[in-house]
């Protein structure tokens, strides 16, 4: 249907592709692992951000076998700073399922891949294309933008139809990566480099800059208010696992109380009347799907906390994985530097 465009993308990609670590592999097994790891890391994360994390992760855990035998704590530690920690959790869960169900072999069927934790339609198709060279194209933001601009179309059904028309029988992996590369390097969201693009004669956007496919409206993140209860004893701080903190619900945190709860409102009243509480200020932290506004209150008396809870000093915390969320709170209250 659009074979001439596909051929141009393939030729351009093979000549100008970026030198990325997940594009180099020792064998097929290594290829499958690197593609799986990189696709998890690149969900909601740009290549330049993911690069150092990928290199460090692969240096420490260089195979699916090793990953499946690694603790969640170690995986989280290697993921620290990359954000969206559910990906780290799903990645480990996926490796354990592949170990048990597929004897360490990455599944090569769409139905099997999409059933794995953390793998949706795009990731499943990207893995099939890049790892197995199957005739699939995953539609991410880059691919969608390139296709809507070239053909002056919008809407999921039309985009899917035109993507199908771009498919090739050979070098499907290169075509998929070429489309993403084109979107990342030339067909950028803002100020696309149309004059440098090898497809400018084929592209309807290049010849008509007024064309603008459906704009995605950025939704403001919802703000949730919390009160952080700070209690220190013998240079140690009280920590627990928060159960109601979205993607961070399984990680250590200082005790947090939602401000909208009765308990939360009580703490504000207590602060006005009780000298045992000291206001350490307000901290704003962005989490994956909301913004947390945290009022930090320090108390001189031990509060009631359900077990398990822990007391840790700054040195002990250094040896453990802690989320950037907790790190920001600890820096705010000057518990760590």
C-alpha atoms as a PDB file:
ATOM      1  CA  UNK A   1       0.000   0.000   0.000  1.00  0.00           C
ATOM      2  CA  UNK A   2       2.765   2.457   0.960  1.00  0.00           C
ATOM      3  CA  UNK A   3       5.804   0.372   0.095  1.00  0.00           C
ATOM      4  CA  UNK A   4       7.830   3.290  -1.270  1.00  0.00           C
ATOM      5  CA  UNK A   5       7.586   5.114   2.072  1.00  0.00           C
ATOM      6  CA  UNK A   6       8.513   1.960   3.989  1.00  0.00           C
ATOM      7  CA  UNK A   7      11.574   1.428   1.769  1.00  0.00           C
ATOM      8  CA  UNK A   8      12.756   4.981   2.390  1.00  0.00           C
ATOM      9  CA  UNK A   9      12.333   4.556   6.172  1.00  0.00           C
ATOM     10  CA  UNK A  10      14.298   1.287   6.094  1.00  0.00           C
ATOM     11  CA  UNK A  11      17.142   2.814   4.070  1.00  0.00           C
ATOM     12  CA  UNK A  12      17.326   5.887   6.312  1.00  0.00           C
ATOM     13  CA  UNK A  13      17.239   3.883   9.550  1.00  0.00           C
ATOM     14  CA  UNK A  14      19.981   1.471   8.491  1.00  0.00           C
ATOM     15  CA  UNK A  15      22.222   4.432   7.695  1.00  0.00           C
ATOM     16  CA  UNK A  16      21.418   6.857  10.532  1.00  0.00           C
ATOM     17  CA  UNK A  17      20.155   4.805  13.496  1.00  0.00           C
ATOM     18  CA  UNK A  18      21.446   5.824  16.915  1.00  0.00           C
ATOM     19  CA  UNK A  19      24.047   3.678  18.637  1.00  0.00           C
ATOM     20  CA  UNK A  20      21.949   2.337  21.529  1.00  0.00           C
ATOM     21  CA  UNK A  21      22.979  -0.509  23.880  1.00  0.00           C
ATOM     22  CA  UNK A  22      19.765  -2.518  23.437  1.00  0.00           C
ATOM     23  CA  UNK A  23      20.447  -2.677  19.695  1.00  0.00           C
ATOM     24  CA  UNK A  24      23.670  -4.634  20.243  1.00  0.00           C
ATOM     25  CA  UNK A  25      23.456  -8.243  21.351  1.00  0.00           C
ATOM     26  CA  UNK A  26      25.658 -11.304  21.678  1.00  0.00           C
ATOM     27  CA  UNK A  27      22.986 -13.789  20.571  1.00  0.00           C
ATOM     28  CA  UNK A  28      19.225 -14.189  20.277  1.00  0.00           C
ATOM     29  CA  UNK A  29      18.804 -14.865  23.982  1.00  0.00           C
ATOM     30  CA  UNK A  30      20.634 -11.643  24.801  1.00  0.00           C
ATOM     31  CA  UNK A  31      18.586  -9.789  22.177  1.00  0.00           C
ATOM     32  CA  UNK A  32      15.321 -10.934  23.730  1.00  0.00           C
ATOM     33  CA  UNK A  33      16.397  -9.890  27.226  1.00  0.00           C
ATOM     34  CA  UNK A  34      17.698  -6.480  26.126  1.00  0.00           C
ATOM     35  CA  UNK A  35      14.520  -5.738  24.174  1.00  0.00           C
ATOM     36  CA  UNK A  36      12.322  -6.757  27.125  1.00  0.00           C
ATOM     37  CA  UNK A  37      14.328  -4.660  29.595  1.00  0.00           C
ATOM     38  CA  UNK A  38      14.529  -1.609  27.331  1.00  0.00           C
ATOM     39  CA  UNK A  39      10.820  -1.686  26.462  1.00  0.00           C
ATOM     40  CA  UNK A  40       9.903  -1.667  30.166  1.00  0.00           C
ATOM     41  CA  UNK A  41      12.300   1.211  30.826  1.00  0.00           C
ATOM     42  CA  UNK A  42      11.131   3.221  27.817  1.00  0.00           C
ATOM     43  CA  UNK A  43       7.499   3.190  28.914  1.00  0.00           C
ATOM     44  CA  UNK A  44       6.837   6.861  29.782  1.00  0.00           C
ATOM     45  CA  UNK A  45      10.587   7.608  29.696  1.00  0.00           C
ATOM     46  CA  UNK A  46      12.756   9.192  27.004  1.00  0.00           C
ATOM     47  CA  UNK A  47      15.756   7.368  25.547  1.00  0.00           C
ATOM     48  CA  UNK A  48      18.349   9.820  26.921  1.00  0.00           C
ATOM     49  CA  UNK A  49      16.918   9.394  30.440  1.00  0.00           C
ATOM     50  CA  UNK A  50      16.724   5.604  30.251  1.00  0.00           C
ATOM     51  CA  UNK A  51      20.228   5.072  28.808  1.00  0.00           C
ATOM     52  CA  UNK A  52      22.351   5.231  31.998  1.00  0.00           C
ATOM     53  CA  UNK A  53      19.777   3.180  33.924  1.00  0.00           C
ATOM     54  CA  UNK A  54      19.728   0.499  31.228  1.00  0.00           C
ATOM     55  CA  UNK A  55      23.539   0.285  31.139  1.00  0.00           C
ATOM     56  CA  UNK A  56      23.801   0.018  34.932  1.00  0.00           C
ATOM     57  CA  UNK A  57      20.940  -2.488  35.206  1.00  0.00           C
ATOM     58  CA  UNK A  58      22.360  -4.711  32.465  1.00  0.00           C
ATOM     59  CA  UNK A  59      25.836  -4.549  33.997  1.00  0.00           C
ATOM     60  CA  UNK A  60      24.438  -5.946  37.275  1.00  0.00           C
ATOM     61  CA  UNK A  61      21.732  -8.259  35.846  1.00  0.00           C
ATOM     62  CA  UNK A  62      22.547  -9.368  32.299  1.00  0.00           C
ATOM     63  CA  UNK A  63      20.063 -12.166  31.666  1.00  0.00           C
ATOM     64  CA  UNK A  64      16.464 -13.208  32.200  1.00  0.00           C
ATOM     65  CA  UNK A  65      17.671 -16.075  34.389  1.00  0.00           C
ATOM     66  CA  UNK A  66      19.518 -13.723  36.741  1.00  0.00           C
ATOM     67  CA  UNK A  67      16.618 -11.267  36.786  1.00  0.00           C
ATOM     68  CA  UNK A  68      14.103 -13.946  37.803  1.00  0.00           C
ATOM     69  CA  UNK A  69      16.289 -14.848  40.799  1.00  0.00           C
ATOM     70  CA  UNK A  70      16.809 -11.247  41.940  1.00  0.00           C
ATOM     71  CA  UNK A  71      14.941  -9.693  44.868  1.00  0.00           C
ATOM     72  CA  UNK A  72      12.461  -6.878  44.348  1.00  0.00           C
ATOM     73  CA  UNK A  73      14.589  -4.709  46.645  1.00  0.00           C
ATOM     74  CA  UNK A  74      17.628  -5.051  44.378  1.00  0.00           C
ATOM     75  CA  UNK A  75      15.579  -4.406  41.232  1.00  0.00           C
ATOM     76  CA  UNK A  76      14.074  -1.305  42.868  1.00  0.00           C
ATOM     77  CA  UNK A  77      17.529  -0.105  43.898  1.00  0.00           C
ATOM     78  CA  UNK A  78      18.744  -0.351  40.290  1.00  0.00           C
ATOM     79  CA  UNK A  79      15.553   1.382  39.128  1.00  0.00           C
ATOM     80  CA  UNK A  80      15.925   4.204  41.642  1.00  0.00           C
ATOM     81  CA  UNK A  81      15.631   7.602  39.998  1.00  0.00           C
ATOM     82  CA  UNK A  82      13.881   6.299  36.881  1.00  0.00           C
ATOM     83  CA  UNK A  83      10.426   6.636  38.449  1.00  0.00           C
ATOM     84  CA  UNK A  84       7.155   4.793  37.785  1.00  0.00           C
ATOM     85  CA  UNK A  85       8.259   1.938  40.044  1.00  0.00           C
ATOM     86  CA  UNK A  86       5.348  -0.294  39.064  1.00  0.00           C
ATOM     87  CA  UNK A  87       7.369  -1.041  35.931  1.00  0.00           C
ATOM     88  CA  UNK A  88      10.155  -2.507  38.091  1.00  0.00           C
ATOM     89  CA  UNK A  89       7.615  -4.621  39.956  1.00  0.00           C
ATOM     90  CA  UNK A  90       5.975  -5.864  36.747  1.00  0.00           C
ATOM     91  CA  UNK A  91       9.345  -6.524  35.094  1.00  0.00           C
ATOM     92  CA  UNK A  92      10.370  -8.851  37.911  1.00  0.00           C
ATOM     93  CA  UNK A  93       6.962 -10.554  37.980  1.00  0.00           C
ATOM     94  CA  UNK A  94       7.153 -11.056  34.211  1.00  0.00           C
ATOM     95  CA  UNK A  95      10.629 -12.631  34.456  1.00  0.00           C
ATOM     96  CA  UNK A  96       9.403 -15.088  37.097  1.00  0.00           C
ATOM     97  CA  UNK A  97       6.427 -16.102  34.934  1.00  0.00           C
ATOM     98  CA  UNK A  98       8.698 -16.564  31.891  1.00  0.00           C
ATOM     99  CA  UNK A  99      11.000 -18.713  34.028  1.00  0.00           C
ATOM    100  CA  UNK A 100       8.172 -20.922  35.312  1.00  0.00           C
ATOM    101  CA  UNK A 101       5.863 -21.072  32.303  1.00  0.00           C
ATOM    102  CA  UNK A 102       8.256 -20.748  29.348  1.00  0.00           C
ATOM    103  CA  UNK A 103      11.531 -22.120  30.731  1.00  0.00           C
ATOM    104  CA  UNK A 104      13.300 -18.731  30.480  1.00  0.00           C
ATOM    105  CA  UNK A 105      12.268 -18.240  26.831  1.00  0.00           C
ATOM    106  CA  UNK A 106      10.580 -14.966  25.930  1.00  0.00           C
ATOM    107  CA  UNK A 107       7.145 -15.802  24.417  1.00  0.00           C
ATOM    108  CA  UNK A 108       6.847 -15.117  20.701  1.00  0.00           C
ATOM    109  CA  UNK A 109       3.048 -14.959  20.503  1.00  0.00           C
ATOM    110  CA  UNK A 110       0.992 -11.797  21.040  1.00  0.00           C
ATOM    111  CA  UNK A 111      -1.577 -13.518  23.301  1.00  0.00           C
ATOM    112  CA  UNK A 112       1.164 -14.845  25.595  1.00  0.00           C
ATOM    113  CA  UNK A 113       3.025 -11.528  25.789  1.00  0.00           C
ATOM    114  CA  UNK A 114       0.019  -9.345  26.498  1.00  0.00           C
ATOM    115  CA  UNK A 115      -0.968 -11.634  29.370  1.00  0.00           C
ATOM    116  CA  UNK A 116       2.290 -10.790  31.195  1.00  0.00           C
ATOM    117  CA  UNK A 117       2.350  -8.057  33.894  1.00  0.00           C
ATOM    118  CA  UNK A 118       3.182  -4.589  32.572  1.00  0.00           C
ATOM    119  CA  UNK A 119       2.861  -5.520  28.900  1.00  0.00           C
ATOM    120  CA  UNK A 120       0.119  -3.828  26.887  1.00  0.00           C
ATOM    121  CA  UNK A 121      -0.685  -3.765  23.177  1.00  0.00           C
ATOM    122  CA  UNK A 122       2.187  -1.467  22.178  1.00  0.00           C
ATOM    123  CA  UNK A 123       4.850  -3.264  24.222  1.00  0.00           C
ATOM    124  CA  UNK A 124       3.709  -6.699  23.015  1.00  0.00           C
ATOM    125  CA  UNK A 125       3.881  -5.638  19.356  1.00  0.00           C
ATOM    126  CA  UNK A 126       7.193  -3.831  19.876  1.00  0.00           C
ATOM    127  CA  UNK A 127       8.713  -6.976  21.397  1.00  0.00           C
ATOM    128  CA  UNK A 128       7.387  -9.163  18.562  1.00  0.00           C
ATOM    129  CA  UNK A 129       8.832  -6.802  15.983  1.00  0.00           C
ATOM    130  CA  UNK A 130      12.171  -5.834  17.563  1.00  0.00           C
ATOM    131  CA  UNK A 131      13.032  -9.081  19.359  1.00  0.00           C
ATOM    132  CA  UNK A 132      11.574 -11.595  16.882  1.00  0.00           C
ATOM    133  CA  UNK A 133      11.476  -9.574  13.637  1.00  0.00           C
ATOM    134  CA  UNK A 134       7.774 -10.377  13.263  1.00  0.00           C
ATOM    135  CA  UNK A 135       5.517  -8.395  10.958  1.00  0.00           C
ATOM    136  CA  UNK A 136       4.159  -6.077  13.676  1.00  0.00           C
ATOM    137  CA  UNK A 137       4.310  -2.347  14.388  1.00  0.00           C
ATOM    138  CA  UNK A 138       3.607  -1.068  17.896  1.00  0.00           C
ATOM    139  CA  UNK A 139       1.990   2.366  17.851  1.00  0.00           C
ATOM    140  CA  UNK A 140       3.581   4.687  20.393  1.00  0.00           C
ATOM    141  CA  UNK A 141       3.547   8.501  20.413  1.00  0.00           C
ATOM    142  CA  UNK A 142       6.334   8.743  17.848  1.00  0.00           C
ATOM    143  CA  UNK A 143       4.778   6.281  15.388  1.00  0.00           C
ATOM    144  CA  UNK A 144       1.359   7.886  15.744  1.00  0.00           C
ATOM    145  CA  UNK A 145       2.754  11.368  15.094  1.00  0.00           C
ATOM    146  CA  UNK A 146       4.748  10.286  12.026  1.00  0.00           C
ATOM    147  CA  UNK A 147       1.809   8.464  10.447  1.00  0.00           C
ATOM    148  CA  UNK A 148      -0.775  11.215  11.146  1.00  0.00           C
ATOM    149  CA  UNK A 149       1.540  13.831   9.637  1.00  0.00           C
ATOM    150  CA  UNK A 150       2.602  11.887   6.537  1.00  0.00           C
ATOM    151  CA  UNK A 151      -0.956  10.967   5.548  1.00  0.00           C
ATOM    152  CA  UNK A 152      -2.876  13.900   7.092  1.00  0.00           C
ATOM    153  CA  UNK A 153      -5.163  11.624   9.111  1.00  0.00           C
ATOM    154  CA  UNK A 154      -6.456  11.327  12.656  1.00  0.00           C
ATOM    155  CA  UNK A 155      -8.403   8.797  14.706  1.00  0.00           C
ATOM    156  CA  UNK A 156      -7.283   5.397  15.959  1.00  0.00           C
ATOM    157  CA  UNK A 157      -8.967   3.328  13.227  1.00  0.00           C
ATOM    158  CA  UNK A 158      -7.412   5.345  10.403  1.00  0.00           C
ATOM    159  CA  UNK A 159      -3.983   5.351  12.025  1.00  0.00           C
ATOM    160  CA  UNK A 160      -4.144   1.574  12.462  1.00  0.00           C
ATOM    161  CA  UNK A 161      -5.212   1.123   8.833  1.00  0.00           C
ATOM    162  CA  UNK A 162      -2.313   3.207   7.494  1.00  0.00           C
ATOM    163  CA  UNK A 163       0.187   1.527   9.847  1.00  0.00           C
ATOM    164  CA  UNK A 164      -0.954  -1.840   8.470  1.00  0.00           C
ATOM    165  CA  UNK A 165      -0.266  -0.536   4.982  1.00  0.00           C
ATOM    166  CA  UNK A 166       3.340   0.286   5.914  1.00  0.00           C
ATOM    167  CA  UNK A 167       4.212  -3.259   7.025  1.00  0.00           C
ATOM    168  CA  UNK A 168       6.946  -5.168   5.205  1.00  0.00           C
ATOM    169  CA  UNK A 169       7.734  -8.868   4.902  1.00  0.00           C
ATOM    170  CA  UNK A 170      11.450  -8.516   5.660  1.00  0.00           C
ATOM    171  CA  UNK A 171      13.311  -6.357   8.184  1.00  0.00           C
ATOM    172  CA  UNK A 172      10.155  -5.627  10.211  1.00  0.00           C
ATOM    173  CA  UNK A 173      12.359  -4.892  13.209  1.00  0.00           C
ATOM    174  CA  UNK A 174      14.145  -2.110  11.302  1.00  0.00           C
ATOM    175  CA  UNK A 175      10.870  -0.611  10.079  1.00  0.00           C
ATOM    176  CA  UNK A 176       9.377  -0.469  13.577  1.00  0.00           C
ATOM    177  CA  UNK A 177      12.530   1.104  15.015  1.00  0.00           C
ATOM    178  CA  UNK A 178      12.859   3.375  11.984  1.00  0.00           C
ATOM    179  CA  UNK A 179       9.386   4.831  12.535  1.00  0.00           C
ATOM    180  CA  UNK A 180      10.191   5.495  16.202  1.00  0.00           C
ATOM    181  CA  UNK A 181      13.603   6.928  15.308  1.00  0.00           C
ATOM    182  CA  UNK A 182      12.067   9.227  12.716  1.00  0.00           C
ATOM    183  CA  UNK A 183       9.612  10.546  15.311  1.00  0.00           C
ATOM    184  CA  UNK A 184      12.339  11.043  17.893  1.00  0.00           C
ATOM    185  CA  UNK A 185      14.983  12.684  15.705  1.00  0.00           C
ATOM    186  CA  UNK A 186      13.192  14.483  12.861  1.00  0.00           C
ATOM    187  CA  UNK A 187       9.389  14.423  13.124  1.00  0.00           C
ATOM    188  CA  UNK A 188       9.456  15.976  16.594  1.00  0.00           C
ATOM    189  CA  UNK A 189       6.303  17.098  18.415  1.00  0.00           C
ATOM    190  CA  UNK A 190       7.426  20.741  18.284  1.00  0.00           C
ATOM    191  CA  UNK A 191       9.470  22.267  15.471  1.00  0.00           C
ATOM    192  CA  UNK A 192       9.810  19.155  13.266  1.00  0.00           C
ATOM    193  CA  UNK A 193      12.841  19.225  10.946  1.00  0.00           C
ATOM    194  CA  UNK A 194      10.806  18.987   7.734  1.00  0.00           C
ATOM    195  CA  UNK A 195      13.526  20.477   5.513  1.00  0.00           C
ATOM    196  CA  UNK A 196      15.938  17.715   6.632  1.00  0.00           C
ATOM    197  CA  UNK A 197      13.410  14.907   6.295  1.00  0.00           C
ATOM    198  CA  UNK A 198      13.848  12.320   3.564  1.00  0.00           C
ATOM    199  CA  UNK A 199      10.046  12.008   3.386  1.00  0.00           C
ATOM    200  CA  UNK A 200       9.258  15.698   2.862  1.00  0.00           C
ATOM    201  CA  UNK A 201       8.037  15.055  -0.691  1.00  0.00           C
ATOM    202  CA  UNK A 202       5.717  12.283   0.516  1.00  0.00           C
ATOM    203  CA  UNK A 203       4.485  14.077   3.631  1.00  0.00           C
ATOM    204  CA  UNK A 204       1.297  16.115   3.675  1.00  0.00           C
ATOM    205  CA  UNK A 205       2.328  17.906   6.875  1.00  0.00           C
ATOM    206  CA  UNK A 206       5.586  19.075   5.278  1.00  0.00           C
ATOM    207  CA  UNK A 207       3.698  20.676   2.401  1.00  0.00           C
ATOM    208  CA  UNK A 208       0.936  22.124   4.601  1.00  0.00           C
ATOM    209  CA  UNK A 209       2.194  23.318   7.998  1.00  0.00           C
ATOM    210  CA  UNK A 210      -1.294  24.445   9.007  1.00  0.00           C
ATOM    211  CA  UNK A 211      -2.353  20.817   9.263  1.00  0.00           C
ATOM    212  CA  UNK A 212      -2.439  19.745  12.891  1.00  0.00           C
ATOM    213  CA  UNK A 213      -3.861  16.335  13.847  1.00  0.00           C
ATOM    214  CA  UNK A 214      -5.945  15.931  16.975  1.00  0.00           C
ATOM    215  CA  UNK A 215      -4.114  17.720  19.748  1.00  0.00           C
ATOM    216  CA  UNK A 216      -3.778  15.830  22.977  1.00  0.00           C
ATOM    217  CA  UNK A 217      -4.936  18.083  25.775  1.00  0.00           C
ATOM    218  CA  UNK A 218      -2.687  17.875  28.775  1.00  0.00           C
ATOM    219  CA  UNK A 219      -4.727  17.168  31.868  1.00  0.00           C
ATOM    220  CA  UNK A 220      -3.614  18.753  35.093  1.00  0.00           C
ATOM    221  CA  UNK A 221      -2.580  16.259  37.725  1.00  0.00           C
ATOM    222  CA  UNK A 222      -4.957  15.965  40.666  1.00  0.00           C
ATOM    223  CA  UNK A 223      -3.606  17.329  43.942  1.00  0.00           C
ATOM    224  CA  UNK A 224      -3.871  15.097  47.011  1.00  0.00           C
ATOM    225  CA  UNK A 225      -3.000  16.475  50.419  1.00  0.00           C
ATOM    226  CA  UNK A 226      -1.230  14.490  53.134  1.00  0.00           C
ATOM    227  CA  UNK A 227       0.183  15.074  56.577  1.00  0.00           C
ATOM    228  CA  UNK A 228       3.569  13.442  57.180  1.00  0.00           C
ATOM    229  CA  UNK A 229       4.166  12.515  60.805  1.00  0.00           C
ATOM    230  CA  UNK A 230       7.843  12.764  61.713  1.00  0.00           C
ATOM    231  CA  UNK A 231       9.053  10.984  64.834  1.00  0.00           C
ATOM    232  CA  UNK A 232      12.765  10.658  65.629  1.00  0.00           C
ATOM    233  CA  UNK A 233      14.377   8.684  68.397  1.00  0.00           C
ATOM    234  CA  UNK A 234      18.096   8.126  69.028  1.00  0.00           C
ATOM    235  CA  UNK A 235      18.997   9.578  65.612  1.00  0.00           C
ATOM    236  CA  UNK A 236      16.547   7.169  63.976  1.00  0.00           C
ATOM    237  CA  UNK A 237      13.277   7.914  62.192  1.00  0.00           C
ATOM    238  CA  UNK A 238       9.971   6.042  62.278  1.00  0.00           C
ATOM    239  CA  UNK A 239       9.046   4.398  58.963  1.00  0.00           C
ATOM    240  CA  UNK A 240       6.328   2.066  57.734  1.00  0.00           C
ATOM    241  CA  UNK A 241       4.892   0.676  54.493  1.00  0.00           C
ATOM    242  CA  UNK A 242       2.134   2.943  53.238  1.00  0.00           C
ATOM    243  CA  UNK A 243      -0.847   1.024  51.854  1.00  0.00           C
ATOM    244  CA  UNK A 244      -2.681   3.899  50.164  1.00  0.00           C
ATOM    245  CA  UNK A 245      -0.080   5.700  48.098  1.00  0.00           C
ATOM    246  CA  UNK A 246      -0.720   4.505  44.545  1.00  0.00           C
ATOM    247  CA  UNK A 247       2.485   3.342  42.828  1.00  0.00           C
ATOM    248  CA  UNK A 248       4.459   3.786  46.068  1.00  0.00           C
ATOM    249  CA  UNK A 249       2.136   1.796  48.299  1.00  0.00           C
ATOM    250  CA  UNK A 250       4.614  -1.039  48.926  1.00  0.00           C
ATOM    251  CA  UNK A 251       7.607   1.176  49.712  1.00  0.00           C
ATOM    252  CA  UNK A 252       8.876   2.544  53.000  1.00  0.00           C
ATOM    253  CA  UNK A 253       7.648   5.967  54.019  1.00  0.00           C
ATOM    254  CA  UNK A 254       7.161   8.136  57.045  1.00  0.00           C
ATOM    255  CA  UNK A 255       3.597   7.699  58.367  1.00  0.00           C
ATOM    256  CA  UNK A 256       1.264   9.614  56.035  1.00  0.00           C
ATOM    257  CA  UNK A 257      -2.274  10.701  56.798  1.00  0.00           C
ATOM    258  CA  UNK A 258      -4.631  11.864  54.015  1.00  0.00           C
ATOM    259  CA  UNK A 259      -5.715  15.387  54.930  1.00  0.00           C
ATOM    260  CA  UNK A 260      -9.316  14.675  53.930  1.00  0.00           C
ATOM    261  CA  UNK A 261      -9.614  11.926  56.566  1.00  0.00           C
ATOM    262  CA  UNK A 262     -10.943  12.663  60.044  1.00  0.00           C
ATOM    263  CA  UNK A 263      -7.513  11.790  61.403  1.00  0.00           C
ATOM    264  CA  UNK A 264      -5.923  14.272  59.032  1.00  0.00           C
ATOM    265  CA  UNK A 265      -8.207  17.083  60.141  1.00  0.00           C
ATOM    266  CA  UNK A 266      -7.485  16.204  63.775  1.00  0.00           C
ATOM    267  CA  UNK A 267      -3.753  16.639  63.252  1.00  0.00           C
ATOM    268  CA  UNK A 268      -4.287  20.203  62.082  1.00  0.00           C
ATOM    269  CA  UNK A 269      -6.323  20.932  65.220  1.00  0.00           C
ATOM    270  CA  UNK A 270      -3.693  19.255  67.375  1.00  0.00           C
ATOM    271  CA  UNK A 271      -1.004  21.406  65.776  1.00  0.00           C
ATOM    272  CA  UNK A 272      -2.753  24.580  66.919  1.00  0.00           C
ATOM    273  CA  UNK A 273      -3.198  23.421  70.520  1.00  0.00           C
ATOM    274  CA  UNK A 274      -0.314  21.058  71.199  1.00  0.00           C
ATOM    275  CA  UNK A 275       3.329  22.049  71.562  1.00  0.00           C
ATOM    276  CA  UNK A 276       4.369  18.436  70.883  1.00  0.00           C
ATOM    277  CA  UNK A 277       3.913  19.068  67.146  1.00  0.00           C
ATOM    278  CA  UNK A 278       6.270  21.256  65.153  1.00  0.00           C
ATOM    279  CA  UNK A 279       5.420  22.444  61.653  1.00  0.00           C
ATOM    280  CA  UNK A 280       8.381  21.654  59.363  1.00  0.00           C
ATOM    281  CA  UNK A 281       6.748  23.116  56.284  1.00  0.00           C
ATOM    282  CA  UNK A 282       4.928  21.992  53.150  1.00  0.00           C
ATOM    283  CA  UNK A 283       6.487  19.899  50.390  1.00  0.00           C
ATOM    284  CA  UNK A 284       5.076  19.314  46.874  1.00  0.00           C
ATOM    285  CA  UNK A 285       6.006  16.023  45.184  1.00  0.00           C
ATOM    286  CA  UNK A 286       4.764  14.804  41.813  1.00  0.00           C
ATOM    287  CA  UNK A 287       3.883  11.095  41.586  1.00  0.00           C
ATOM    288  CA  UNK A 288       2.958   9.276  38.353  1.00  0.00           C
ATOM    289  CA  UNK A 289      -0.730  10.248  38.297  1.00  0.00           C
ATOM    290  CA  UNK A 290      -1.130  12.938  40.975  1.00  0.00           C
ATOM    291  CA  UNK A 291       0.645  15.670  42.908  1.00  0.00           C
ATOM    292  CA  UNK A 292       1.124  15.201  46.627  1.00  0.00           C
ATOM    293  CA  UNK A 293       1.049  18.259  48.868  1.00  0.00           C
ATOM    294  CA  UNK A 294       2.604  17.201  52.160  1.00  0.00           C
ATOM    295  CA  UNK A 295       2.443  19.058  55.450  1.00  0.00           C
ATOM    296  CA  UNK A 296       5.368  17.796  57.568  1.00  0.00           C
ATOM    297  CA  UNK A 297       4.620  17.691  61.305  1.00  0.00           C
ATOM    298  CA  UNK A 298       7.196  16.515  63.824  1.00  0.00           C
ATOM    299  CA  UNK A 299       6.071  15.042  67.122  1.00  0.00           C
ATOM    300  CA  UNK A 300       8.046  14.445  70.306  1.00  0.00           C
ATOM    301  CA  UNK A 301       5.822  11.533  71.352  1.00  0.00           C
ATOM    302  CA  UNK A 302       5.549   8.121  69.695  1.00  0.00           C
ATOM    303  CA  UNK A 303       2.324   7.849  67.707  1.00  0.00           C
ATOM    304  CA  UNK A 304       0.138   4.770  67.328  1.00  0.00           C
ATOM    305  CA  UNK A 305       1.276   2.860  64.254  1.00  0.00           C
ATOM    306  CA  UNK A 306       0.214  -0.590  63.116  1.00  0.00           C
ATOM    307  CA  UNK A 307       3.055  -3.081  62.799  1.00  0.00           C
ATOM    308  CA  UNK A 308       5.307  -3.677  60.999  1.00  0.00           C
ATOM    309  CA  UNK A 309       7.123  -0.392  61.540  1.00  0.00           C
ATOM    310  CA  UNK A 310      10.829   0.346  61.639  1.00  0.00           C
ATOM    311  CA  UNK A 311      13.334   2.761  63.127  1.00  0.00           C
ATOM    312  CA  UNK A 312      16.282   3.502  60.829  1.00  0.00           C
ATOM    313  CA  UNK A 313      19.164   5.932  60.878  1.00  0.00           C
ATOM    314  CA  UNK A 314      20.616   7.730  57.860  1.00  0.00           C
ATOM    315  CA  UNK A 315      23.407   5.170  57.404  1.00  0.00           C
ATOM    316  CA  UNK A 316      20.956   2.228  57.368  1.00  0.00           C
ATOM    317  CA  UNK A 317      18.788   3.987  54.805  1.00  0.00           C
ATOM    318  CA  UNK A 318      21.737   4.394  52.448  1.00  0.00           C
ATOM    319  CA  UNK A 319      22.078   0.614  52.159  1.00  0.00           C
ATOM    320  CA  UNK A 320      18.374   0.156  51.349  1.00  0.00           C
ATOM    321  CA  UNK A 321      16.193   1.142  48.432  1.00  0.00           C
ATOM    322  CA  UNK A 322      14.149   4.210  49.216  1.00  0.00           C
ATOM    323  CA  UNK A 323      11.894   5.978  46.761  1.00  0.00           C
ATOM    324  CA  UNK A 324      12.702   9.486  45.587  1.00  0.00           C
ATOM    325  CA  UNK A 325       9.402  10.457  47.271  1.00  0.00           C
ATOM    326  CA  UNK A 326      10.734   9.491  50.714  1.00  0.00           C
ATOM    327  CA  UNK A 327      14.169  10.931  49.909  1.00  0.00           C
ATOM    328  CA  UNK A 328      12.617  14.358  49.255  1.00  0.00           C
ATOM    329  CA  UNK A 329      10.761  14.260  52.578  1.00  0.00           C
ATOM    330  CA  UNK A 330      13.917  13.224  54.466  1.00  0.00           C
ATOM    331  CA  UNK A 331      15.878  16.054  52.829  1.00  0.00           C
ATOM    332  CA  UNK A 332      13.102  18.527  53.648  1.00  0.00           C
ATOM    333  CA  UNK A 333      13.247  17.633  57.346  1.00  0.00           C
ATOM    334  CA  UNK A 334      17.092  17.552  57.217  1.00  0.00           C
ATOM    335  CA  UNK A 335      17.329  13.887  58.180  1.00  0.00           C
ATOM    336  CA  UNK A 336      19.616  13.235  55.204  1.00  0.00           C
ATOM    337  CA  UNK A 337      21.652  15.595  53.004  1.00  0.00           C
END
